[in-house]
Amino acid sequence: MTPFLERDSPKNTFPAAKCWDAATILLLTAGLGLLLALSWPMPIHLYREYMAFESYYAYGPVIPFLVGFMLWHRRAALQQAVRRPCWAALAVLAPAVALLIWSSGQELAWVMDNTFLVCVWSGLWLVLGTQWLRAAAFPLAFLLWMAPLPGPLLNDATYGSQHFCTQAAALMLHLFGFHNVVTGSIIQLDNFALFVDVPCSGLKNLLSLMMISAAFAYLLDGPPAKRIVLFLFSVPLSIAVNVTRLTLLGVVGECFGTHAAHVFHDWDGLLSLLLGVTALFWFARRIGCRTFAGWPLF
């Protein structure tokens, strides 16, 4: 069974392990520091990506905390896993370090980001062994959300999402009785022009809600099939939320003027996220999930 589908109450398969010793902690800390030194452009690049205006990856700094919580949630299985060095991991770690050094020198951001994660995973595999890595597989894989998408893929996805949401919002406005004409990414109403710019394409909402739903589904207690359905639900949900946001923005602009539309736009991102998270909780309840990380929330 894959880590995504693991139950929250692991069976006592492995003998109890000793507490972490200072040498292991020191070795892991030194290894992480060495990787950061070898990939020094990467922290600066990630900081700029996360903090950029209208960033697609503003959730990036939250990922390590979510991973820490997931590992804490899996603490019983991690404590039971036998920690034994696995030298086979060197077959992955050595070429990954070489690729990391080369991509850092070439400033190939996407290669550098993902190779760094491969180095982290293989380093943990080397020091802590296969059983521990298997027990921590999903939380460690969740670190992939920290790596920005390659530029061409991001551009293509943004354009497709922008076009679809523009057409869908125009249709919704028409159904509500607001006459409009679509020209490219501009929805022209009688008294207001709604420009669906790149940040309004909905891709930010999609990435954020997919990240949240992946963590949410993993930490929920429920059958594997239901948790997979909950994760997949985030895709149509994010599109529906963004189309609803654009439709409301058009209604506000048409009925109350441009200033009111700007005020609404300043808050609609937060409102969209809250609406999406609320819908995830509602859907989880509808499919029969009742506890989150072992705590009854529904």
C-alpha atoms as a PDB file:
ATOM      1  CA  MET A   1       0.000   0.000   0.000  1.00  0.00           C
ATOM      2  CA  THR A   2       1.339   3.409  -0.908  1.00  0.00           C
ATOM      3  CA  PRO A   3       2.122   5.964   1.826  1.00  0.00           C
ATOM      4  CA  PHE A   4      -0.783   8.159   0.675  1.00  0.00           C
ATOM      5  CA  LEU A   5      -3.141   5.321   1.500  1.00  0.00           C
ATOM      6  CA  GLU A   6      -1.664   4.317   4.841  1.00  0.00           C
ATOM      7  CA  ARG A   7      -3.962   4.146   7.819  1.00  0.00           C
ATOM      8  CA  ASP A   8      -3.411   6.553  10.674  1.00  0.00           C
ATOM      9  CA  SER A   9      -2.942   3.832  13.263  1.00  0.00           C
ATOM     10  CA  PRO A  10       0.050   1.766  12.115  1.00  0.00           C
ATOM     11  CA  LYS A  11       0.411  -1.820  13.118  1.00  0.00           C
ATOM     12  CA  ASN A  12       3.259  -2.897  15.371  1.00  0.00           C
ATOM     13  CA  THR A  13       5.232  -4.454  12.547  1.00  0.00           C
ATOM     14  CA  PHE A  14       8.724  -3.357  13.585  1.00  0.00           C
ATOM     15  CA  PRO A  15      10.466  -3.598  16.933  1.00  0.00           C
ATOM     16  CA  ALA A  16      10.697  -0.429  18.979  1.00  0.00           C
ATOM     17  CA  ALA A  17      13.659   1.752  18.042  1.00  0.00           C
ATOM     18  CA  LYS A  18      15.929   3.693  20.328  1.00  0.00           C
ATOM     19  CA  CYS A  19      15.677   7.436  20.679  1.00  0.00           C
ATOM     20  CA  TRP A  20      17.586   9.593  18.265  1.00  0.00           C
ATOM     21  CA  ASP A  21      21.238   9.854  19.265  1.00  0.00           C
ATOM     22  CA  ALA A  22      23.266  13.047  19.054  1.00  0.00           C
ATOM     23  CA  ALA A  23      25.587  11.629  16.369  1.00  0.00           C
ATOM     24  CA  THR A  24      22.687  10.918  13.987  1.00  0.00           C
ATOM     25  CA  ILE A  25      21.195  14.378  14.540  1.00  0.00           C
ATOM     26  CA  LEU A  26      24.585  16.010  14.007  1.00  0.00           C
ATOM     27  CA  LEU A  27      25.207  13.988  10.839  1.00  0.00           C
ATOM     28  CA  LEU A  28      21.816  14.901   9.353  1.00  0.00           C
ATOM     29  CA  THR A  29      22.257  18.569  10.248  1.00  0.00           C
ATOM     30  CA  ALA A  30      25.733  18.678   8.732  1.00  0.00           C
ATOM     31  CA  GLY A  31      24.506  16.923   5.599  1.00  0.00           C
ATOM     32  CA  LEU A  32      21.672  19.411   5.153  1.00  0.00           C
ATOM     33  CA  GLY A  33      24.063  22.303   5.667  1.00  0.00           C
ATOM     34  CA  LEU A  34      26.436  20.876   3.045  1.00  0.00           C
ATOM     35  CA  LEU A  35      23.611  20.487   0.519  1.00  0.00           C
ATOM     36  CA  LEU A  36      22.511  24.081   1.101  1.00  0.00           C
ATOM     37  CA  ALA A  37      26.092  25.252   0.599  1.00  0.00           C
ATOM     38  CA  LEU A  38      26.396  23.280  -2.653  1.00  0.00           C
ATOM     39  CA  SER A  39      23.135  24.727  -3.951  1.00  0.00           C
ATOM     40  CA  TRP A  40      23.506  28.241  -2.564  1.00  0.00           C
ATOM     41  CA  PRO A  41      21.605  30.005  -5.407  1.00  0.00           C
ATOM     42  CA  MET A  42      18.573  27.835  -4.594  1.00  0.00           C
ATOM     43  CA  PRO A  43      17.505  29.453  -1.258  1.00  0.00           C
ATOM     44  CA  ILE A  44      17.720  32.901  -2.853  1.00  0.00           C
ATOM     45  CA  HIS A  45      15.756  31.739  -5.899  1.00  0.00           C
ATOM     46  CA  LEU A  46      13.052  30.138  -3.733  1.00  0.00           C
ATOM     47  CA  TYR A  47      12.791  33.211  -1.506  1.00  0.00           C
ATOM     48  CA  ARG A  48      12.190  35.395  -4.563  1.00  0.00           C
ATOM     49  CA  GLU A  49       9.617  32.970  -5.935  1.00  0.00           C
ATOM     50  CA  TYR A  50       7.706  32.773  -2.658  1.00  0.00           C
ATOM     51  CA  MET A  51       7.781  36.496  -1.892  1.00  0.00           C
ATOM     52  CA  ALA A  52       7.151  37.840  -5.397  1.00  0.00           C
ATOM     53  CA  PHE A  53       4.071  39.964  -5.935  1.00  0.00           C
ATOM     54  CA  GLU A  54       1.116  37.769  -6.965  1.00  0.00           C
ATOM     55  CA  SER A  55       3.317  34.701  -6.465  1.00  0.00           C
ATOM     56  CA  TYR A  56       1.939  31.312  -7.459  1.00  0.00           C
ATOM     57  CA  TYR A  57       3.913  29.759  -4.610  1.00  0.00           C
ATOM     58  CA  ALA A  58       3.159  31.993  -1.627  1.00  0.00           C
ATOM     59  CA  TYR A  59       2.331  28.809   0.292  1.00  0.00           C
ATOM     60  CA  GLY A  60       5.959  27.602  -0.041  1.00  0.00           C
ATOM     61  CA  PRO A  61       7.184  28.651   3.440  1.00  0.00           C
ATOM     62  CA  VAL A  62       4.292  26.712   5.021  1.00  0.00           C
ATOM     63  CA  ILE A  63       5.334  23.374   3.483  1.00  0.00           C
ATOM     64  CA  PRO A  64       8.115  22.488   5.994  1.00  0.00           C
ATOM     65  CA  PHE A  65       5.692  23.031   8.881  1.00  0.00           C
ATOM     66  CA  LEU A  66       3.076  20.813   7.244  1.00  0.00           C
ATOM     67  CA  VAL A  67       5.723  18.142   6.653  1.00  0.00           C
ATOM     68  CA  GLY A  68       6.772  18.400  10.297  1.00  0.00           C
ATOM     69  CA  PHE A  69       3.161  17.911  11.395  1.00  0.00           C
ATOM     70  CA  MET A  70       2.784  14.913   9.059  1.00  0.00           C
ATOM     71  CA  LEU A  71       5.930  13.328  10.497  1.00  0.00           C
ATOM     72  CA  TRP A  72       4.619  13.946  14.008  1.00  0.00           C
ATOM     73  CA  HIS A  73       1.354  12.322  12.954  1.00  0.00           C
ATOM     74  CA  ARG A  74       3.359   9.304  11.764  1.00  0.00           C
ATOM     75  CA  ARG A  75       5.554   9.262  14.860  1.00  0.00           C
ATOM     76  CA  ALA A  76       4.430   5.783  16.005  1.00  0.00           C
ATOM     77  CA  ALA A  77       5.396   4.172  12.696  1.00  0.00           C
ATOM     78  CA  LEU A  78       8.648   6.171  12.544  1.00  0.00           C
ATOM     79  CA  GLN A  79       9.618   5.082  16.053  1.00  0.00           C
ATOM     80  CA  GLN A  80       8.891   1.456  15.246  1.00  0.00           C
ATOM     81  CA  ALA A  81      10.884   1.490  12.004  1.00  0.00           C
ATOM     82  CA  VAL A  82      14.349  -0.006  12.321  1.00  0.00           C
ATOM     83  CA  ARG A  83      16.957   2.674  11.588  1.00  0.00           C
ATOM     84  CA  ARG A  84      19.864   1.071   9.796  1.00  0.00           C
ATOM     85  CA  PRO A  85      22.195   2.688   7.220  1.00  0.00           C
ATOM     86  CA  CYS A  86      21.494   1.628   3.632  1.00  0.00           C
ATOM     87  CA  TRP A  87      24.628   1.888   1.508  1.00  0.00           C
ATOM     88  CA  ALA A  88      22.661   1.252  -1.675  1.00  0.00           C
ATOM     89  CA  ALA A  89      21.417   4.832  -1.330  1.00  0.00           C
ATOM     90  CA  LEU A  90      24.855   6.018  -2.439  1.00  0.00           C
ATOM     91  CA  ALA A  91      23.967   4.887  -5.957  1.00  0.00           C
ATOM     92  CA  VAL A  92      21.311   7.624  -5.960  1.00  0.00           C
ATOM     93  CA  LEU A  93      22.993  10.190  -3.711  1.00  0.00           C
ATOM     94  CA  ALA A  94      26.330  10.427  -5.546  1.00  0.00           C
ATOM     95  CA  PRO A  95      24.954  11.281  -9.034  1.00  0.00           C
ATOM     96  CA  ALA A  96      22.301  13.519  -7.458  1.00  0.00           C
ATOM     97  CA  VAL A  97      24.984  15.580  -5.686  1.00  0.00           C
ATOM     98  CA  ALA A  98      26.951  15.856  -8.934  1.00  0.00           C
ATOM     99  CA  LEU A  99      23.830  17.011 -10.795  1.00  0.00           C
ATOM    100  CA  LEU A 100      23.061  19.469  -7.986  1.00  0.00           C
ATOM    101  CA  ILE A 101      26.515  21.043  -8.247  1.00  0.00           C
ATOM    102  CA  TRP A 102      26.275  21.282 -12.042  1.00  0.00           C
ATOM    103  CA  SER A 103      22.729  22.727 -12.065  1.00  0.00           C
ATOM    104  CA  SER A 104      23.701  25.256  -9.393  1.00  0.00           C
ATOM    105  CA  GLY A 105      26.576  26.464 -11.556  1.00  0.00           C
ATOM    106  CA  GLN A 106      24.300  26.693 -14.582  1.00  0.00           C
ATOM    107  CA  GLU A 107      21.492  28.271 -12.492  1.00  0.00           C
ATOM    108  CA  LEU A 108      18.932  25.802 -13.818  1.00  0.00           C
ATOM    109  CA  ALA A 109      16.324  26.516 -11.190  1.00  0.00           C
ATOM    110  CA  TRP A 110      13.878  23.650 -11.772  1.00  0.00           C
ATOM    111  CA  VAL A 111      16.625  21.025 -12.030  1.00  0.00           C
ATOM    112  CA  MET A 112      18.378  22.439  -8.968  1.00  0.00           C
ATOM    113  CA  ASP A 113      15.209  22.512  -6.830  1.00  0.00           C
ATOM    114  CA  ASN A 114      14.208  18.935  -7.576  1.00  0.00           C
ATOM    115  CA  THR A 115      17.728  17.529  -7.440  1.00  0.00           C
ATOM    116  CA  PHE A 116      18.132  19.069  -3.996  1.00  0.00           C
ATOM    117  CA  LEU A 117      15.056  17.123  -2.839  1.00  0.00           C
ATOM    118  CA  VAL A 118      16.460  13.903  -4.342  1.00  0.00           C
ATOM    119  CA  CYS A 119      19.659  14.534  -2.369  1.00  0.00           C
ATOM    120  CA  VAL A 120      17.646  15.008   0.835  1.00  0.00           C
ATOM    121  CA  TRP A 121      15.639  11.835   0.275  1.00  0.00           C
ATOM    122  CA  SER A 122      18.643   9.700  -0.640  1.00  0.00           C
ATOM    123  CA  GLY A 123      20.641  11.153   2.255  1.00  0.00           C
ATOM    124  CA  LEU A 124      17.912  10.154   4.706  1.00  0.00           C
ATOM    125  CA  TRP A 125      17.769   6.755   3.051  1.00  0.00           C
ATOM    126  CA  LEU A 126      21.527   6.375   3.508  1.00  0.00           C
ATOM    127  CA  VAL A 127      21.562   7.353   7.187  1.00  0.00           C
ATOM    128  CA  LEU A 128      18.207   6.041   8.454  1.00  0.00           C
ATOM    129  CA  GLY A 129      17.525   3.133   6.143  1.00  0.00           C
ATOM    130  CA  THR A 130      14.739   1.753   3.996  1.00  0.00           C
ATOM    131  CA  GLN A 131      12.132   1.071   6.685  1.00  0.00           C
ATOM    132  CA  TRP A 132      12.290   4.608   8.062  1.00  0.00           C
ATOM    133  CA  LEU A 133      12.164   6.121   4.573  1.00  0.00           C
ATOM    134  CA  ARG A 134       9.143   4.001   3.692  1.00  0.00           C
ATOM    135  CA  ALA A 135       7.328   5.094   6.854  1.00  0.00           C
ATOM    136  CA  ALA A 136       8.038   8.760   6.051  1.00  0.00           C
ATOM    137  CA  ALA A 137       7.484   8.482   2.297  1.00  0.00           C
ATOM    138  CA  PHE A 138       4.415  10.694   1.861  1.00  0.00           C
ATOM    139  CA  PRO A 139       5.539  13.560   4.127  1.00  0.00           C
ATOM    140  CA  LEU A 140       8.918  13.625   2.365  1.00  0.00           C
ATOM    141  CA  ALA A 141       7.287  13.483  -1.078  1.00  0.00           C
ATOM    142  CA  PHE A 142       5.095  16.405   0.003  1.00  0.00           C
ATOM    143  CA  LEU A 143       8.239  18.567  -0.092  1.00  0.00           C
ATOM    144  CA  LEU A 144       7.800  18.597  -3.882  1.00  0.00           C
ATOM    145  CA  TRP A 145       5.244  21.355  -3.368  1.00  0.00           C
ATOM    146  CA  MET A 146       8.167  23.640  -2.491  1.00  0.00           C
ATOM    147  CA  ALA A 147       9.620  23.328  -6.000  1.00  0.00           C
ATOM    148  CA  PRO A 148       8.195  25.836  -8.518  1.00  0.00           C
ATOM    149  CA  LEU A 149       6.985  24.490 -11.838  1.00  0.00           C
ATOM    150  CA  PRO A 150       9.169  24.930 -14.937  1.00  0.00           C
ATOM    151  CA  GLY A 151       8.423  28.176 -16.758  1.00  0.00           C
ATOM    152  CA  PRO A 152       7.036  26.736 -20.050  1.00  0.00           C
ATOM    153  CA  LEU A 153       4.646  24.408 -18.214  1.00  0.00           C
ATOM    154  CA  LEU A 154       3.493  27.233 -15.937  1.00  0.00           C
ATOM    155  CA  ASN A 155       2.893  29.556 -18.896  1.00  0.00           C
ATOM    156  CA  ASP A 156       0.881  26.981 -20.837  1.00  0.00           C
ATOM    157  CA  ALA A 157      -1.214  26.071 -17.797  1.00  0.00           C
ATOM    158  CA  THR A 158      -1.822  29.741 -16.984  1.00  0.00           C
ATOM    159  CA  TYR A 159      -2.988  30.547 -20.509  1.00  0.00           C
ATOM    160  CA  GLY A 160      -5.353  27.582 -20.630  1.00  0.00           C
ATOM    161  CA  SER A 161      -6.827  28.363 -17.216  1.00  0.00           C
ATOM    162  CA  GLN A 162      -7.137  32.081 -18.045  1.00  0.00           C
ATOM    163  CA  HIS A 163      -9.031  31.385 -21.276  1.00  0.00           C
ATOM    164  CA  PHE A 164     -11.391  28.831 -19.719  1.00  0.00           C
ATOM    165  CA  CYS A 165     -12.222  30.948 -16.645  1.00  0.00           C
ATOM    166  CA  THR A 166     -12.836  34.030 -18.803  1.00  0.00           C
ATOM    167  CA  GLN A 167     -15.332  32.178 -20.988  1.00  0.00           C
ATOM    168  CA  ALA A 168     -16.998  30.488 -17.991  1.00  0.00           C
ATOM    169  CA  ALA A 169     -17.357  33.768 -16.054  1.00  0.00           C
ATOM    170  CA  ALA A 170     -18.835  35.479 -19.129  1.00  0.00           C
ATOM    171  CA  LEU A 171     -21.359  32.652 -19.445  1.00  0.00           C
ATOM    172  CA  MET A 172     -22.308  32.920 -15.760  1.00  0.00           C
ATOM    173  CA  LEU A 173     -22.763  36.685 -16.069  1.00  0.00           C
ATOM    174  CA  HIS A 174     -24.976  36.140 -19.106  1.00  0.00           C
ATOM    175  CA  LEU A 175     -27.079  33.594 -17.198  1.00  0.00           C
ATOM    176  CA  PHE A 176     -27.564  36.149 -14.396  1.00  0.00           C
ATOM    177  CA  GLY A 177     -28.826  38.677 -16.920  1.00  0.00           C
ATOM    178  CA  PHE A 178     -25.673  40.772 -17.408  1.00  0.00           C
ATOM    179  CA  HIS A 179     -25.055  41.368 -21.105  1.00  0.00           C
ATOM    180  CA  ASN A 180     -21.356  41.124 -21.982  1.00  0.00           C
ATOM    181  CA  VAL A 181     -18.947  40.719 -24.856  1.00  0.00           C
ATOM    182  CA  VAL A 182     -15.681  38.784 -24.545  1.00  0.00           C
ATOM    183  CA  THR A 183     -12.593  40.050 -26.333  1.00  0.00           C
ATOM    184  CA  GLY A 184      -9.532  37.979 -25.504  1.00  0.00           C
ATOM    185  CA  SER A 185      -9.318  38.064 -21.705  1.00  0.00           C
ATOM    186  CA  ILE A 186     -11.584  41.112 -21.288  1.00  0.00           C
ATOM    187  CA  ILE A 187     -15.262  40.770 -20.388  1.00  0.00           C
ATOM    188  CA  GLN A 188     -16.961  43.996 -21.412  1.00  0.00           C
ATOM    189  CA  LEU A 189     -20.220  44.655 -19.591  1.00  0.00           C
ATOM    190  CA  ASP A 190     -22.441  47.682 -20.152  1.00  0.00           C
ATOM    191  CA  ASN A 191     -20.742  49.837 -17.501  1.00  0.00           C
ATOM    192  CA  PHE A 192     -17.682  47.858 -16.448  1.00  0.00           C
ATOM    193  CA  ALA A 193     -14.772  46.070 -18.133  1.00  0.00           C
ATOM    194  CA  LEU A 194     -13.486  42.983 -16.334  1.00  0.00           C
ATOM    195  CA  PHE A 195      -9.899  42.191 -17.331  1.00  0.00           C
ATOM    196  CA  VAL A 196      -8.998  38.602 -16.437  1.00  0.00           C
ATOM    197  CA  ASP A 197      -5.259  39.091 -16.053  1.00  0.00           C
ATOM    198  CA  VAL A 198      -2.713  36.313 -15.506  1.00  0.00           C
ATOM    199  CA  PRO A 199      -2.991  36.427 -11.676  1.00  0.00           C
ATOM    200  CA  CYS A 200      -6.769  35.972 -12.087  1.00  0.00           C
ATOM    201  CA  SER A 201      -6.350  32.871 -14.260  1.00  0.00           C
ATOM    202  CA  GLY A 202      -7.171  30.581 -11.343  1.00  0.00           C
ATOM    203  CA  LEU A 203      -3.892  28.671 -11.411  1.00  0.00           C
ATOM    204  CA  LYS A 204      -2.858  30.121  -8.047  1.00  0.00           C
ATOM    205  CA  ASN A 205      -6.090  28.843  -6.521  1.00  0.00           C
ATOM    206  CA  LEU A 206      -5.582  25.470  -8.191  1.00  0.00           C
ATOM    207  CA  LEU A 207      -2.051  25.003  -6.830  1.00  0.00           C
ATOM    208  CA  SER A 208      -3.010  26.214  -3.343  1.00  0.00           C
ATOM    209  CA  LEU A 209      -6.117  24.062  -3.054  1.00  0.00           C
ATOM    210  CA  MET A 210      -4.351  20.986  -4.455  1.00  0.00           C
ATOM    211  CA  MET A 211      -1.588  21.431  -1.879  1.00  0.00           C
ATOM    212  CA  ILE A 212      -4.104  21.874   0.948  1.00  0.00           C
ATOM    213  CA  SER A 213      -6.257  18.964  -0.195  1.00  0.00           C
ATOM    214  CA  ALA A 214      -3.227  16.641  -0.473  1.00  0.00           C
ATOM    215  CA  ALA A 215      -2.267  17.357   3.141  1.00  0.00           C
ATOM    216  CA  PHE A 216      -5.899  17.281   4.238  1.00  0.00           C
ATOM    217  CA  ALA A 217      -6.610  13.937   2.554  1.00  0.00           C
ATOM    218  CA  TYR A 218      -3.460  12.370   4.010  1.00  0.00           C
ATOM    219  CA  LEU A 219      -4.302  13.436   7.564  1.00  0.00           C
ATOM    220  CA  LEU A 220      -7.958  12.420   7.369  1.00  0.00           C
ATOM    221  CA  ASP A 221      -9.067   9.088   8.741  1.00  0.00           C
ATOM    222  CA  GLY A 222     -11.023   7.256   6.104  1.00  0.00           C
ATOM    223  CA  PRO A 223     -10.897   4.625   3.358  1.00  0.00           C
ATOM    224  CA  PRO A 224      -8.120   5.189   0.785  1.00  0.00           C
ATOM    225  CA  ALA A 225     -10.557   5.560  -2.112  1.00  0.00           C
ATOM    226  CA  LYS A 226     -12.436   8.359  -0.371  1.00  0.00           C
ATOM    227  CA  ARG A 227      -9.251  10.265   0.406  1.00  0.00           C
ATOM    228  CA  ILE A 228      -8.103  10.022  -3.211  1.00  0.00           C
ATOM    229  CA  VAL A 229     -11.493  11.311  -4.351  1.00  0.00           C
ATOM    230  CA  LEU A 230     -11.151  14.210  -1.903  1.00  0.00           C
ATOM    231  CA  PHE A 231      -7.772  15.137  -3.387  1.00  0.00           C
ATOM    232  CA  LEU A 232      -9.078  14.961  -6.960  1.00  0.00           C
ATOM    233  CA  PHE A 233     -12.085  17.065  -5.931  1.00  0.00           C
ATOM    234  CA  SER A 234      -9.727  20.034  -5.448  1.00  0.00           C
ATOM    235  CA  VAL A 235      -9.292  20.437  -9.237  1.00  0.00           C
ATOM    236  CA  PRO A 236     -12.918  21.148 -10.223  1.00  0.00           C
ATOM    237  CA  LEU A 237     -13.390  22.941  -6.907  1.00  0.00           C
ATOM    238  CA  SER A 238     -10.605  25.443  -7.616  1.00  0.00           C
ATOM    239  CA  ILE A 239     -11.988  26.135 -11.090  1.00  0.00           C
ATOM    240  CA  ALA A 240     -15.511  26.623  -9.723  1.00  0.00           C
ATOM    241  CA  VAL A 241     -14.261  28.940  -6.972  1.00  0.00           C
ATOM    242  CA  ASN A 242     -12.309  31.076  -9.434  1.00  0.00           C
ATOM    243  CA  VAL A 243     -15.209  31.320 -11.884  1.00  0.00           C
ATOM    244  CA  THR A 244     -17.488  32.309  -8.991  1.00  0.00           C
ATOM    245  CA  ARG A 245     -14.982  34.950  -7.885  1.00  0.00           C
ATOM    246  CA  LEU A 246     -14.745  36.453 -11.375  1.00  0.00           C
ATOM    247  CA  THR A 247     -18.517  36.417 -11.762  1.00  0.00           C
ATOM    248  CA  LEU A 248     -19.026  38.229  -8.448  1.00  0.00           C
ATOM    249  CA  LEU A 249     -16.302  40.713  -9.381  1.00  0.00           C
ATOM    250  CA  GLY A 250     -18.145  41.476 -12.608  1.00  0.00           C
ATOM    251  CA  VAL A 251     -21.462  41.868 -10.774  1.00  0.00           C
ATOM    252  CA  VAL A 252     -19.914  44.212  -8.182  1.00  0.00           C
ATOM    253  CA  GLY A 253     -18.235  46.309 -10.870  1.00  0.00           C
ATOM    254  CA  GLU A 254     -21.365  46.543 -12.988  1.00  0.00           C
ATOM    255  CA  CYS A 255     -23.741  47.321 -10.115  1.00  0.00           C
ATOM    256  CA  PHE A 256     -21.589  49.403  -7.766  1.00  0.00           C
ATOM    257  CA  GLY A 257     -18.793  50.811  -9.915  1.00  0.00           C
ATOM    258  CA  THR A 258     -15.065  50.444 -10.441  1.00  0.00           C
ATOM    259  CA  HIS A 259     -14.050  51.518  -6.918  1.00  0.00           C
ATOM    260  CA  ALA A 260     -16.256  48.852  -5.330  1.00  0.00           C
ATOM    261  CA  ALA A 261     -14.786  46.263  -7.718  1.00  0.00           C
ATOM    262  CA  HIS A 262     -11.251  47.214  -6.636  1.00  0.00           C
ATOM    263  CA  VAL A 263     -12.201  46.881  -2.963  1.00  0.00           C
ATOM    264  CA  PHE A 264     -13.767  43.485  -3.623  1.00  0.00           C
ATOM    265  CA  HIS A 265     -10.705  42.414  -5.606  1.00  0.00           C
ATOM    266  CA  ASP A 266      -8.424  43.243  -2.669  1.00  0.00           C
ATOM    267  CA  TRP A 267     -10.215  40.648  -0.546  1.00  0.00           C
ATOM    268  CA  ASP A 268     -11.451  38.071  -3.038  1.00  0.00           C
ATOM    269  CA  GLY A 269      -8.253  36.012  -2.900  1.00  0.00           C
ATOM    270  CA  LEU A 270      -8.664  35.349   0.832  1.00  0.00           C
ATOM    271  CA  LEU A 271     -12.395  34.783   0.417  1.00  0.00           C
ATOM    272  CA  SER A 272     -11.745  32.290  -2.397  1.00  0.00           C
ATOM    273  CA  LEU A 273      -9.287  30.328  -0.255  1.00  0.00           C
ATOM    274  CA  LEU A 274     -11.707  30.239   2.697  1.00  0.00           C
ATOM    275  CA  LEU A 275     -14.517  29.139   0.398  1.00  0.00           C
ATOM    276  CA  GLY A 276     -12.338  26.381  -1.055  1.00  0.00           C
ATOM    277  CA  VAL A 277     -11.221  25.068   2.344  1.00  0.00           C
ATOM    278  CA  THR A 278     -14.810  25.153   3.629  1.00  0.00           C
ATOM    279  CA  ALA A 279     -15.920  23.175   0.584  1.00  0.00           C
ATOM    280  CA  LEU A 280     -13.176  20.595   1.246  1.00  0.00           C
ATOM    281  CA  PHE A 281     -14.412  20.120   4.818  1.00  0.00           C
ATOM    282  CA  TRP A 282     -17.996  19.847   3.589  1.00  0.00           C
ATOM    283  CA  PHE A 283     -17.078  17.283   0.938  1.00  0.00           C
ATOM    284  CA  ALA A 284     -15.027  15.263   3.427  1.00  0.00           C
ATOM    285  CA  ARG A 285     -18.063  15.082   5.669  1.00  0.00           C
ATOM    286  CA  ARG A 286     -20.304  14.095   2.784  1.00  0.00           C
ATOM    287  CA  ILE A 287     -18.091  11.137   1.876  1.00  0.00           C
ATOM    288  CA  GLY A 288     -18.001   9.913   5.464  1.00  0.00           C
ATOM    289  CA  CYS A 289     -14.712  11.190   6.932  1.00  0.00           C
ATOM    290  CA  ARG A 290     -15.050  12.238  10.562  1.00  0.00           C
ATOM    291  CA  THR A 291     -11.590  12.708  12.079  1.00  0.00           C
ATOM    292  CA  PHE A 292      -8.546  14.776  11.146  1.00  0.00           C
ATOM    293  CA  ALA A 293      -5.138  13.587  12.401  1.00  0.00           C
ATOM    294  CA  GLY A 294      -7.017  11.495  14.958  1.00  0.00           C
ATOM    295  CA  TRP A 295      -9.118  14.385  16.254  1.00  0.00           C
ATOM    296  CA  PRO A 296     -12.883  14.505  15.720  1.00  0.00           C
ATOM    297  CA  LEU A 297     -13.602  17.634  13.723  1.00  0.00           C
ATOM    298  CA  PHE A 298     -16.866  16.732  12.001  1.00  0.00           C
END
